[in-house]
Amino acid sequence: MGEYNLKVTIDQDSGFCFGVVFAIDMAEEILEQDGYLYCLGDIVHNDEEVARLKAKGLRIIDHSQLHDLHNEKVLIRAHGEAPETYKTALENNITLIDASCPVVLKLQNRIKTSFDNKEQILIFGKHGHAEVIGLQGQTNNEALVFQDIAELDNAELPDRFTLYSQTTKSTDKFYAIKEELLNRGYEVKANDTICRQVSNRDKDLPEFAVKFNKVVFVSGKKSSNGKVLFEVCKRHNPDTYFISSVEELDKALFAPGDTVGIAGATSTPMWLMQDVKNALEAF
């Protein structure tokens, strides 16, 4: 019977980046101590992991709820926050547990310095994304954010500007945008601030994806990084399927003896990929 089973392998480079590990470790430590902890926004863009931590006492709040909160501890997740948040915390006697990713903090710092030097700033990033809101906050919300070069076609751009990128964007896309803007005659000072842990996955995933008949990509639907990496997988292995939970696995897609690779985003917990592996092996 053995040869009918699926052979399933998890990509060992997939799963949480260090920024997320750091935030979740901090949260779990305080939850063990205090039994509850407020967190500003989803601690990670993965509903399954958020549910696991909520069960331990994590309370997710938004910015309007932060204004009404006093004398509590609040976790800032890896994505970072705008200066406004720190101000509110001071006014409300809130203790911030700051788990902002160091890569994001460094970028915030660089953007703030550019802004203080009166540079015009463009940010390649997703509109409304937590990290991007924090970055824009460094510029008094004056930076121009775009997620697609087409948005710049009719924009009134200054002759010279400094270009930054959200840390989880594709490096190839960033450099293509820089080239295009230079070709259009702008004077561009480009700062590649893409996280290498993320961009290395762009490079390593193709090698992983081609080893298998099929690839199951596990990621939250809200994850920017998940969308990028899923596309990378699918480009190199057309039989790549995106799922957010074990329930979304479709048995009909797999044939006896298939080799299956499981990969995930920087926000995908290893336990979830393990659950998917167990479910596939049970088919």
C-alpha atoms as a PDB file:
ATOM      1  CA  MET A   1       0.000   0.000   0.000  1.00  0.00           C
ATOM      2  CA  GLY A   2       2.922   2.298   0.804  1.00  0.00           C
ATOM      3  CA  GLU A   3       3.433   3.684  -2.702  1.00  0.00           C
ATOM      4  CA  TYR A   4      -0.055   5.241  -2.688  1.00  0.00           C
ATOM      5  CA  ASN A   5       0.839   7.634   0.085  1.00  0.00           C
ATOM      6  CA  LEU A   6       1.729  11.249  -0.546  1.00  0.00           C
ATOM      7  CA  LYS A   7       5.340  12.139   0.183  1.00  0.00           C
ATOM      8  CA  VAL A   8       5.195  15.459   1.994  1.00  0.00           C
ATOM      9  CA  THR A   9       8.095  17.804   2.789  1.00  0.00           C
ATOM     10  CA  ILE A  10       8.002  21.116   4.670  1.00  0.00           C
ATOM     11  CA  ASP A  11      10.325  23.896   3.492  1.00  0.00           C
ATOM     12  CA  GLN A  12      12.591  24.475   6.499  1.00  0.00           C
ATOM     13  CA  ASP A  13      13.281  28.079   5.444  1.00  0.00           C
ATOM     14  CA  SER A  14       9.575  28.915   5.551  1.00  0.00           C
ATOM     15  CA  GLY A  15       7.741  30.128   8.609  1.00  0.00           C
ATOM     16  CA  PHE A  16       8.171  33.038  10.980  1.00  0.00           C
ATOM     17  CA  CYS A  17      10.853  35.624  10.349  1.00  0.00           C
ATOM     18  CA  PHE A  18      12.799  36.736  13.431  1.00  0.00           C
ATOM     19  CA  GLY A  19      10.665  39.893  13.833  1.00  0.00           C
ATOM     20  CA  VAL A  20       7.533  37.808  14.234  1.00  0.00           C
ATOM     21  CA  VAL A  21       9.230  35.231  16.495  1.00  0.00           C
ATOM     22  CA  PHE A  22      10.412  38.090  18.708  1.00  0.00           C
ATOM     23  CA  ALA A  23       6.920  39.649  18.960  1.00  0.00           C
ATOM     24  CA  ILE A  24       5.195  36.346  19.698  1.00  0.00           C
ATOM     25  CA  ASP A  25       7.806  35.322  22.303  1.00  0.00           C
ATOM     26  CA  MET A  26       7.302  38.643  24.078  1.00  0.00           C
ATOM     27  CA  ALA A  27       3.534  38.258  23.979  1.00  0.00           C
ATOM     28  CA  GLU A  28       3.593  34.689  25.321  1.00  0.00           C
ATOM     29  CA  GLU A  29       5.922  35.652  28.157  1.00  0.00           C
ATOM     30  CA  ILE A  30       3.583  38.410  29.356  1.00  0.00           C
ATOM     31  CA  LEU A  31       0.478  36.285  28.836  1.00  0.00           C
ATOM     32  CA  GLU A  32       1.966  33.634  31.110  1.00  0.00           C
ATOM     33  CA  GLN A  33       2.726  36.283  33.723  1.00  0.00           C
ATOM     34  CA  ASP A  34      -0.388  38.480  33.564  1.00  0.00           C
ATOM     35  CA  GLY A  35      -3.019  36.270  31.928  1.00  0.00           C
ATOM     36  CA  TYR A  36      -3.853  38.928  29.345  1.00  0.00           C
ATOM     37  CA  LEU A  37      -2.181  41.483  27.094  1.00  0.00           C
ATOM     38  CA  TYR A  38      -3.426  44.141  24.688  1.00  0.00           C
ATOM     39  CA  CYS A  39      -1.964  44.143  21.190  1.00  0.00           C
ATOM     40  CA  LEU A  40      -2.348  46.968  18.698  1.00  0.00           C
ATOM     41  CA  GLY A  41      -3.636  45.310  15.508  1.00  0.00           C
ATOM     42  CA  ASP A  42      -3.237  41.640  14.562  1.00  0.00           C
ATOM     43  CA  ILE A  43       0.067  40.448  16.057  1.00  0.00           C
ATOM     44  CA  VAL A  44       0.739  38.605  12.794  1.00  0.00           C
ATOM     45  CA  HIS A  45      -1.191  38.420   9.514  1.00  0.00           C
ATOM     46  CA  ASN A  46      -2.323  34.887  10.201  1.00  0.00           C
ATOM     47  CA  ASP A  47      -5.791  34.212  11.602  1.00  0.00           C
ATOM     48  CA  GLU A  48      -4.909  30.749  12.931  1.00  0.00           C
ATOM     49  CA  GLU A  49      -1.968  32.044  14.976  1.00  0.00           C
ATOM     50  CA  VAL A  50      -3.999  35.031  16.211  1.00  0.00           C
ATOM     51  CA  ALA A  51      -6.736  32.646  17.375  1.00  0.00           C
ATOM     52  CA  ARG A  52      -4.155  30.535  19.248  1.00  0.00           C
ATOM     53  CA  LEU A  53      -2.857  33.589  21.113  1.00  0.00           C
ATOM     54  CA  LYS A  54      -6.328  35.015  21.777  1.00  0.00           C
ATOM     55  CA  ALA A  55      -7.124  31.762  23.550  1.00  0.00           C
ATOM     56  CA  LYS A  56      -4.151  32.518  25.839  1.00  0.00           C
ATOM     57  CA  GLY A  57      -5.518  35.980  26.638  1.00  0.00           C
ATOM     58  CA  LEU A  58      -4.264  38.253  23.837  1.00  0.00           C
ATOM     59  CA  ARG A  59      -6.695  41.135  23.288  1.00  0.00           C
ATOM     60  CA  ILE A  60      -6.471  42.783  19.871  1.00  0.00           C
ATOM     61  CA  ILE A  61      -7.355  46.484  19.836  1.00  0.00           C
ATOM     62  CA  ASP A  62      -7.283  49.218  17.204  1.00  0.00           C
ATOM     63  CA  HIS A  63      -6.090  52.827  17.426  1.00  0.00           C
ATOM     64  CA  SER A  64      -9.453  54.221  18.511  1.00  0.00           C
ATOM     65  CA  GLN A  65      -9.558  51.744  21.413  1.00  0.00           C
ATOM     66  CA  LEU A  66      -5.991  52.703  22.342  1.00  0.00           C
ATOM     67  CA  HIS A  67      -7.187  56.280  22.967  1.00  0.00           C
ATOM     68  CA  ASP A  68      -9.683  55.020  25.567  1.00  0.00           C
ATOM     69  CA  LEU A  69      -7.210  52.711  27.305  1.00  0.00           C
ATOM     70  CA  HIS A  70      -5.344  53.822  30.453  1.00  0.00           C
ATOM     71  CA  ASN A  71      -2.704  52.316  32.763  1.00  0.00           C
ATOM     72  CA  GLU A  72      -2.307  49.092  30.772  1.00  0.00           C
ATOM     73  CA  LYS A  73       0.390  47.226  28.865  1.00  0.00           C
ATOM     74  CA  VAL A  74       0.127  47.276  25.085  1.00  0.00           C
ATOM     75  CA  LEU A  75       2.236  45.313  22.627  1.00  0.00           C
ATOM     76  CA  ILE A  76       3.469  46.941  19.424  1.00  0.00           C
ATOM     77  CA  ARG A  77       3.899  44.195  16.839  1.00  0.00           C
ATOM     78  CA  ALA A  78       6.762  43.704  14.384  1.00  0.00           C
ATOM     79  CA  HIS A  79       5.237  46.044  11.773  1.00  0.00           C
ATOM     80  CA  GLY A  80       6.012  49.094  13.921  1.00  0.00           C
ATOM     81  CA  GLU A  81       3.932  52.193  14.654  1.00  0.00           C
ATOM     82  CA  ALA A  82       3.738  55.890  13.806  1.00  0.00           C
ATOM     83  CA  PRO A  83       4.988  58.523  16.346  1.00  0.00           C
ATOM     84  CA  GLU A  84       1.342  59.331  17.159  1.00  0.00           C
ATOM     85  CA  THR A  85       0.953  55.949  18.914  1.00  0.00           C
ATOM     86  CA  TYR A  86       3.865  56.611  21.265  1.00  0.00           C
ATOM     87  CA  LYS A  87       2.392  60.012  22.095  1.00  0.00           C
ATOM     88  CA  THR A  88      -1.002  58.500  22.970  1.00  0.00           C
ATOM     89  CA  ALA A  89       0.709  55.899  25.159  1.00  0.00           C
ATOM     90  CA  LEU A  90       2.521  58.622  27.130  1.00  0.00           C
ATOM     91  CA  GLU A  91      -0.679  60.603  27.634  1.00  0.00           C
ATOM     92  CA  ASN A  92      -2.646  57.534  28.787  1.00  0.00           C
ATOM     93  CA  ASN A  93       0.057  56.076  31.022  1.00  0.00           C
ATOM     94  CA  ILE A  94       0.291  52.993  28.832  1.00  0.00           C
ATOM     95  CA  THR A  95       3.374  50.777  29.057  1.00  0.00           C
ATOM     96  CA  LEU A  96       4.423  49.886  25.534  1.00  0.00           C
ATOM     97  CA  ILE A  97       5.940  46.476  24.948  1.00  0.00           C
ATOM     98  CA  ASP A  98       7.730  47.389  21.752  1.00  0.00           C
ATOM     99  CA  ALA A  99       8.301  44.399  19.492  1.00  0.00           C
ATOM    100  CA  SER A 100       8.865  46.506  16.367  1.00  0.00           C
ATOM    101  CA  CYS A 101      11.170  44.617  14.028  1.00  0.00           C
ATOM    102  CA  PRO A 102      14.682  46.118  13.995  1.00  0.00           C
ATOM    103  CA  VAL A 103      14.671  46.149  10.182  1.00  0.00           C
ATOM    104  CA  VAL A 104      11.487  48.246  10.242  1.00  0.00           C
ATOM    105  CA  LEU A 105      12.828  50.544  12.987  1.00  0.00           C
ATOM    106  CA  LYS A 106      15.977  51.213  10.981  1.00  0.00           C
ATOM    107  CA  LEU A 107      13.860  52.079   7.949  1.00  0.00           C
ATOM    108  CA  GLN A 108      11.611  54.381  10.018  1.00  0.00           C
ATOM    109  CA  ASN A 109      14.744  56.129  11.223  1.00  0.00           C
ATOM    110  CA  ARG A 110      16.131  56.585   7.710  1.00  0.00           C
ATOM    111  CA  ILE A 111      12.832  57.969   6.441  1.00  0.00           C
ATOM    112  CA  LYS A 112      12.613  60.387   9.356  1.00  0.00           C
ATOM    113  CA  THR A 113      16.157  61.623   8.663  1.00  0.00           C
ATOM    114  CA  SER A 114      15.307  62.129   4.962  1.00  0.00           C
ATOM    115  CA  PHE A 115      12.177  64.022   5.937  1.00  0.00           C
ATOM    116  CA  ASP A 116      14.071  66.204   8.429  1.00  0.00           C
ATOM    117  CA  ASN A 117      16.527  66.971   5.602  1.00  0.00           C
ATOM    118  CA  LYS A 118      13.593  68.276   3.549  1.00  0.00           C
ATOM    119  CA  GLU A 119      13.818  65.471   0.972  1.00  0.00           C
ATOM    120  CA  GLN A 120      10.705  64.561  -1.036  1.00  0.00           C
ATOM    121  CA  ILE A 121       9.845  60.947  -0.200  1.00  0.00           C
ATOM    122  CA  LEU A 122       8.203  58.163  -2.201  1.00  0.00           C
ATOM    123  CA  ILE A 123       7.384  54.841  -0.558  1.00  0.00           C
ATOM    124  CA  PHE A 124       6.780  51.682  -2.579  1.00  0.00           C
ATOM    125  CA  GLY A 125       4.326  49.833  -0.355  1.00  0.00           C
ATOM    126  CA  LYS A 126       0.797  48.593   0.154  1.00  0.00           C
ATOM    127  CA  HIS A 127      -1.795  51.272   0.897  1.00  0.00           C
ATOM    128  CA  GLY A 128      -3.157  50.961   4.421  1.00  0.00           C
ATOM    129  CA  HIS A 129      -0.628  48.298   5.463  1.00  0.00           C
ATOM    130  CA  ALA A 130       0.402  48.506   9.123  1.00  0.00           C
ATOM    131  CA  GLU A 131       4.092  48.930   8.339  1.00  0.00           C
ATOM    132  CA  VAL A 132       3.407  51.579   5.690  1.00  0.00           C
ATOM    133  CA  ILE A 133       1.228  53.631   8.062  1.00  0.00           C
ATOM    134  CA  GLY A 134       4.135  53.643  10.523  1.00  0.00           C
ATOM    135  CA  LEU A 135       6.563  54.712   7.792  1.00  0.00           C
ATOM    136  CA  GLN A 136       4.306  57.476   6.536  1.00  0.00           C
ATOM    137  CA  GLY A 137       3.941  58.684  10.105  1.00  0.00           C
ATOM    138  CA  GLN A 138       7.657  59.534  10.121  1.00  0.00           C
ATOM    139  CA  THR A 139       6.941  62.118   7.415  1.00  0.00           C
ATOM    140  CA  ASN A 140       3.912  63.738   9.003  1.00  0.00           C
ATOM    141  CA  ASN A 141       1.971  61.677   6.409  1.00  0.00           C
ATOM    142  CA  GLU A 142       3.487  63.766   3.592  1.00  0.00           C
ATOM    143  CA  ALA A 143       5.300  60.906   1.821  1.00  0.00           C
ATOM    144  CA  LEU A 144       3.681  59.620  -1.350  1.00  0.00           C
ATOM    145  CA  VAL A 145       2.805  55.920  -1.090  1.00  0.00           C
ATOM    146  CA  PHE A 146       2.245  53.834  -4.228  1.00  0.00           C
ATOM    147  CA  GLN A 147       1.875  50.090  -4.660  1.00  0.00           C
ATOM    148  CA  ASP A 148       1.999  50.129  -8.445  1.00  0.00           C
ATOM    149  CA  ILE A 149       4.073  52.283 -10.807  1.00  0.00           C
ATOM    150  CA  ALA A 150       0.892  53.035 -12.813  1.00  0.00           C
ATOM    151  CA  GLU A 151      -0.275  55.177  -9.868  1.00  0.00           C
ATOM    152  CA  LEU A 152       2.588  57.566 -10.622  1.00  0.00           C
ATOM    153  CA  ASP A 153       1.580  58.138 -14.256  1.00  0.00           C
ATOM    154  CA  ASN A 154      -0.605  61.137 -13.457  1.00  0.00           C
ATOM    155  CA  ALA A 155       0.990  62.126 -10.159  1.00  0.00           C
ATOM    156  CA  GLU A 156       2.672  65.513  -9.748  1.00  0.00           C
ATOM    157  CA  LEU A 157       6.175  64.371  -8.834  1.00  0.00           C
ATOM    158  CA  PRO A 158       9.069  66.647  -7.892  1.00  0.00           C
ATOM    159  CA  ASP A 159      12.179  66.506 -10.131  1.00  0.00           C
ATOM    160  CA  ARG A 160      14.225  64.817  -7.423  1.00  0.00           C
ATOM    161  CA  PHE A 161      13.125  62.533  -4.623  1.00  0.00           C
ATOM    162  CA  THR A 162      14.188  59.701  -2.354  1.00  0.00           C
ATOM    163  CA  LEU A 163      12.645  56.281  -2.967  1.00  0.00           C
ATOM    164  CA  TYR A 164      12.043  53.804  -0.130  1.00  0.00           C
ATOM    165  CA  SER A 165      10.325  50.441   0.038  1.00  0.00           C
ATOM    166  CA  GLN A 166       8.199  48.570   2.545  1.00  0.00           C
ATOM    167  CA  THR A 167      10.464  45.827   3.955  1.00  0.00           C
ATOM    168  CA  THR A 168       8.484  42.882   2.515  1.00  0.00           C
ATOM    169  CA  LYS A 169       8.286  44.012  -1.119  1.00  0.00           C
ATOM    170  CA  SER A 170       9.973  42.181  -3.996  1.00  0.00           C
ATOM    171  CA  THR A 171      13.554  43.390  -4.627  1.00  0.00           C
ATOM    172  CA  ASP A 172      13.208  42.818  -8.386  1.00  0.00           C
ATOM    173  CA  LYS A 173      10.138  45.041  -8.492  1.00  0.00           C
ATOM    174  CA  PHE A 174      11.856  47.735  -6.441  1.00  0.00           C
ATOM    175  CA  TYR A 175      14.821  47.932  -8.814  1.00  0.00           C
ATOM    176  CA  ALA A 176      12.543  47.841 -11.865  1.00  0.00           C
ATOM    177  CA  ILE A 177      10.626  50.816 -10.440  1.00  0.00           C
ATOM    178  CA  LYS A 178      13.871  52.689  -9.748  1.00  0.00           C
ATOM    179  CA  GLU A 179      15.020  52.106 -13.365  1.00  0.00           C
ATOM    180  CA  GLU A 180      11.680  53.196 -14.781  1.00  0.00           C
ATOM    181  CA  LEU A 181      11.690  56.430 -12.753  1.00  0.00           C
ATOM    182  CA  LEU A 182      15.265  57.193 -13.837  1.00  0.00           C
ATOM    183  CA  ASN A 183      14.221  56.570 -17.459  1.00  0.00           C
ATOM    184  CA  ARG A 184      11.403  59.055 -16.989  1.00  0.00           C
ATOM    185  CA  GLY A 185      14.036  61.660 -16.210  1.00  0.00           C
ATOM    186  CA  TYR A 186      13.689  61.987 -12.440  1.00  0.00           C
ATOM    187  CA  GLU A 187      16.650  62.301 -10.118  1.00  0.00           C
ATOM    188  CA  VAL A 188      16.139  59.309  -7.839  1.00  0.00           C
ATOM    189  CA  LYS A 189      18.012  58.492  -4.670  1.00  0.00           C
ATOM    190  CA  ALA A 190      16.968  54.879  -4.045  1.00  0.00           C
ATOM    191  CA  ASN A 191      17.227  53.155  -0.670  1.00  0.00           C
ATOM    192  CA  ASP A 192      16.793  49.400  -0.868  1.00  0.00           C
ATOM    193  CA  THR A 193      15.341  48.661   2.559  1.00  0.00           C
ATOM    194  CA  ILE A 194      13.894  45.257   1.790  1.00  0.00           C
ATOM    195  CA  CYS A 195      14.443  42.677   4.502  1.00  0.00           C
ATOM    196  CA  ARG A 196      17.029  40.133   3.406  1.00  0.00           C
ATOM    197  CA  GLN A 197      15.290  37.347   5.267  1.00  0.00           C
ATOM    198  CA  VAL A 198      12.323  38.028   2.981  1.00  0.00           C
ATOM    199  CA  SER A 199      14.253  38.577  -0.258  1.00  0.00           C
ATOM    200  CA  ASN A 200      16.336  35.425   0.315  1.00  0.00           C
ATOM    201  CA  ARG A 201      13.104  33.459   0.335  1.00  0.00           C
ATOM    202  CA  ASP A 202      12.336  34.888  -3.100  1.00  0.00           C
ATOM    203  CA  LYS A 203      15.627  33.308  -4.188  1.00  0.00           C
ATOM    204  CA  ASP A 204      15.404  29.980  -2.306  1.00  0.00           C
ATOM    205  CA  LEU A 205      11.757  29.168  -2.981  1.00  0.00           C
ATOM    206  CA  PRO A 206      12.128  28.469  -6.725  1.00  0.00           C
ATOM    207  CA  GLU A 207      14.644  25.717  -5.932  1.00  0.00           C
ATOM    208  CA  PHE A 208      12.230  24.244  -3.407  1.00  0.00           C
ATOM    209  CA  ALA A 209       9.125  24.507  -5.615  1.00  0.00           C
ATOM    210  CA  VAL A 210      10.535  22.605  -8.599  1.00  0.00           C
ATOM    211  CA  LYS A 211      11.400  19.529  -6.524  1.00  0.00           C
ATOM    212  CA  PHE A 212       7.750  18.458  -6.158  1.00  0.00           C
ATOM    213  CA  ASN A 213       4.733  17.488  -8.266  1.00  0.00           C
ATOM    214  CA  LYS A 214       2.624  19.914  -6.249  1.00  0.00           C
ATOM    215  CA  VAL A 215       3.199  22.702  -3.768  1.00  0.00           C
ATOM    216  CA  VAL A 216       0.797  23.750  -1.019  1.00  0.00           C
ATOM    217  CA  PHE A 217       1.450  27.335   0.015  1.00  0.00           C
ATOM    218  CA  VAL A 218       0.115  28.104   3.487  1.00  0.00           C
ATOM    219  CA  SER A 219      -0.486  31.748   4.393  1.00  0.00           C
ATOM    220  CA  GLY A 220      -2.971  34.177   5.859  1.00  0.00           C
ATOM    221  CA  LYS A 221      -5.004  36.033   3.235  1.00  0.00           C
ATOM    222  CA  LYS A 222      -3.879  39.385   4.721  1.00  0.00           C
ATOM    223  CA  SER A 223      -0.159  38.678   4.363  1.00  0.00           C
ATOM    224  CA  SER A 224       1.595  40.892   1.773  1.00  0.00           C
ATOM    225  CA  ASN A 225       4.645  38.692   1.947  1.00  0.00           C
ATOM    226  CA  GLY A 226       2.438  35.621   1.446  1.00  0.00           C
ATOM    227  CA  LYS A 227       1.078  37.015  -1.827  1.00  0.00           C
ATOM    228  CA  VAL A 228       4.592  37.723  -3.126  1.00  0.00           C
ATOM    229  CA  LEU A 229       5.970  34.296  -2.168  1.00  0.00           C
ATOM    230  CA  PHE A 230       2.933  32.408  -3.464  1.00  0.00           C
ATOM    231  CA  GLU A 231       3.457  34.063  -6.882  1.00  0.00           C
ATOM    232  CA  VAL A 232       7.136  33.054  -6.795  1.00  0.00           C
ATOM    233  CA  CYS A 233       6.149  29.420  -6.127  1.00  0.00           C
ATOM    234  CA  LYS A 234       3.449  29.398  -8.777  1.00  0.00           C
ATOM    235  CA  ARG A 235       5.812  30.832 -11.402  1.00  0.00           C
ATOM    236  CA  HIS A 236       8.193  27.917 -10.893  1.00  0.00           C
ATOM    237  CA  ASN A 237       5.578  25.251 -10.220  1.00  0.00           C
ATOM    238  CA  PRO A 238       2.154  25.883 -11.814  1.00  0.00           C
ATOM    239  CA  ASP A 239       0.656  23.202  -9.531  1.00  0.00           C
ATOM    240  CA  THR A 240       0.904  25.463  -6.475  1.00  0.00           C
ATOM    241  CA  TYR A 241      -2.176  25.904  -4.301  1.00  0.00           C
ATOM    242  CA  PHE A 242      -2.825  28.684  -1.778  1.00  0.00           C
ATOM    243  CA  ILE A 243      -4.558  27.734   1.480  1.00  0.00           C
ATOM    244  CA  SER A 244      -5.036  29.521   4.805  1.00  0.00           C
ATOM    245  CA  SER A 245      -6.202  26.560   6.871  1.00  0.00           C
ATOM    246  CA  VAL A 246      -6.243  22.753   6.816  1.00  0.00           C
ATOM    247  CA  GLU A 247      -9.974  22.842   5.981  1.00  0.00           C
ATOM    248  CA  GLU A 248      -9.184  24.413   2.600  1.00  0.00           C
ATOM    249  CA  LEU A 249      -7.175  21.364   1.425  1.00  0.00           C
ATOM    250  CA  ASP A 250      -8.877  19.721  -1.539  1.00  0.00           C
ATOM    251  CA  LYS A 251      -8.234  15.981  -1.622  1.00  0.00           C
ATOM    252  CA  ALA A 252      -9.226  15.851  -5.308  1.00  0.00           C
ATOM    253  CA  LEU A 253      -6.107  17.831  -6.276  1.00  0.00           C
ATOM    254  CA  PHE A 254      -3.745  15.075  -5.194  1.00  0.00           C
ATOM    255  CA  ALA A 255      -2.997  11.738  -6.781  1.00  0.00           C
ATOM    256  CA  PRO A 256      -1.492   8.621  -5.173  1.00  0.00           C
ATOM    257  CA  GLY A 257       2.291   8.768  -5.043  1.00  0.00           C
ATOM    258  CA  ASP A 258       2.463  12.580  -5.493  1.00  0.00           C
ATOM    259  CA  THR A 259       5.371  14.403  -3.935  1.00  0.00           C
ATOM    260  CA  VAL A 260       4.125  17.523  -2.183  1.00  0.00           C
ATOM    261  CA  GLY A 261       6.096  20.485  -0.872  1.00  0.00           C
ATOM    262  CA  ILE A 262       4.677  22.745   1.824  1.00  0.00           C
ATOM    263  CA  ALA A 263       5.884  26.333   2.037  1.00  0.00           C
ATOM    264  CA  GLY A 264       4.674  29.427   3.856  1.00  0.00           C
ATOM    265  CA  ALA A 265       5.049  33.149   4.433  1.00  0.00           C
ATOM    266  CA  THR A 266       7.085  34.954   7.107  1.00  0.00           C
ATOM    267  CA  SER A 267       3.812  35.094   9.042  1.00  0.00           C
ATOM    268  CA  THR A 268       2.947  31.386   8.745  1.00  0.00           C
ATOM    269  CA  PRO A 269       3.446  29.377  11.965  1.00  0.00           C
ATOM    270  CA  MET A 270       5.391  26.105  11.670  1.00  0.00           C
ATOM    271  CA  TRP A 271       2.643  24.254  13.642  1.00  0.00           C
ATOM    272  CA  LEU A 272       0.144  25.131  10.907  1.00  0.00           C
ATOM    273  CA  MET A 273       2.416  23.761   8.147  1.00  0.00           C
ATOM    274  CA  GLN A 274       2.860  20.642  10.289  1.00  0.00           C
ATOM    275  CA  ASP A 275      -0.961  20.270  10.568  1.00  0.00           C
ATOM    276  CA  VAL A 276      -1.232  20.556   6.786  1.00  0.00           C
ATOM    277  CA  LYS A 277       1.466  17.892   6.385  1.00  0.00           C
ATOM    278  CA  ASN A 278      -0.405  15.530   8.742  1.00  0.00           C
ATOM    279  CA  ALA A 279      -3.676  16.084   6.867  1.00  0.00           C
ATOM    280  CA  LEU A 280      -2.037  15.391   3.489  1.00  0.00           C
ATOM    281  CA  GLU A 281      -0.383  12.219   4.788  1.00  0.00           C
ATOM    282  CA  ALA A 282      -3.767  11.012   6.026  1.00  0.00           C
ATOM    283  CA  PHE A 283      -5.265  11.205   2.500  1.00  0.00           C
END
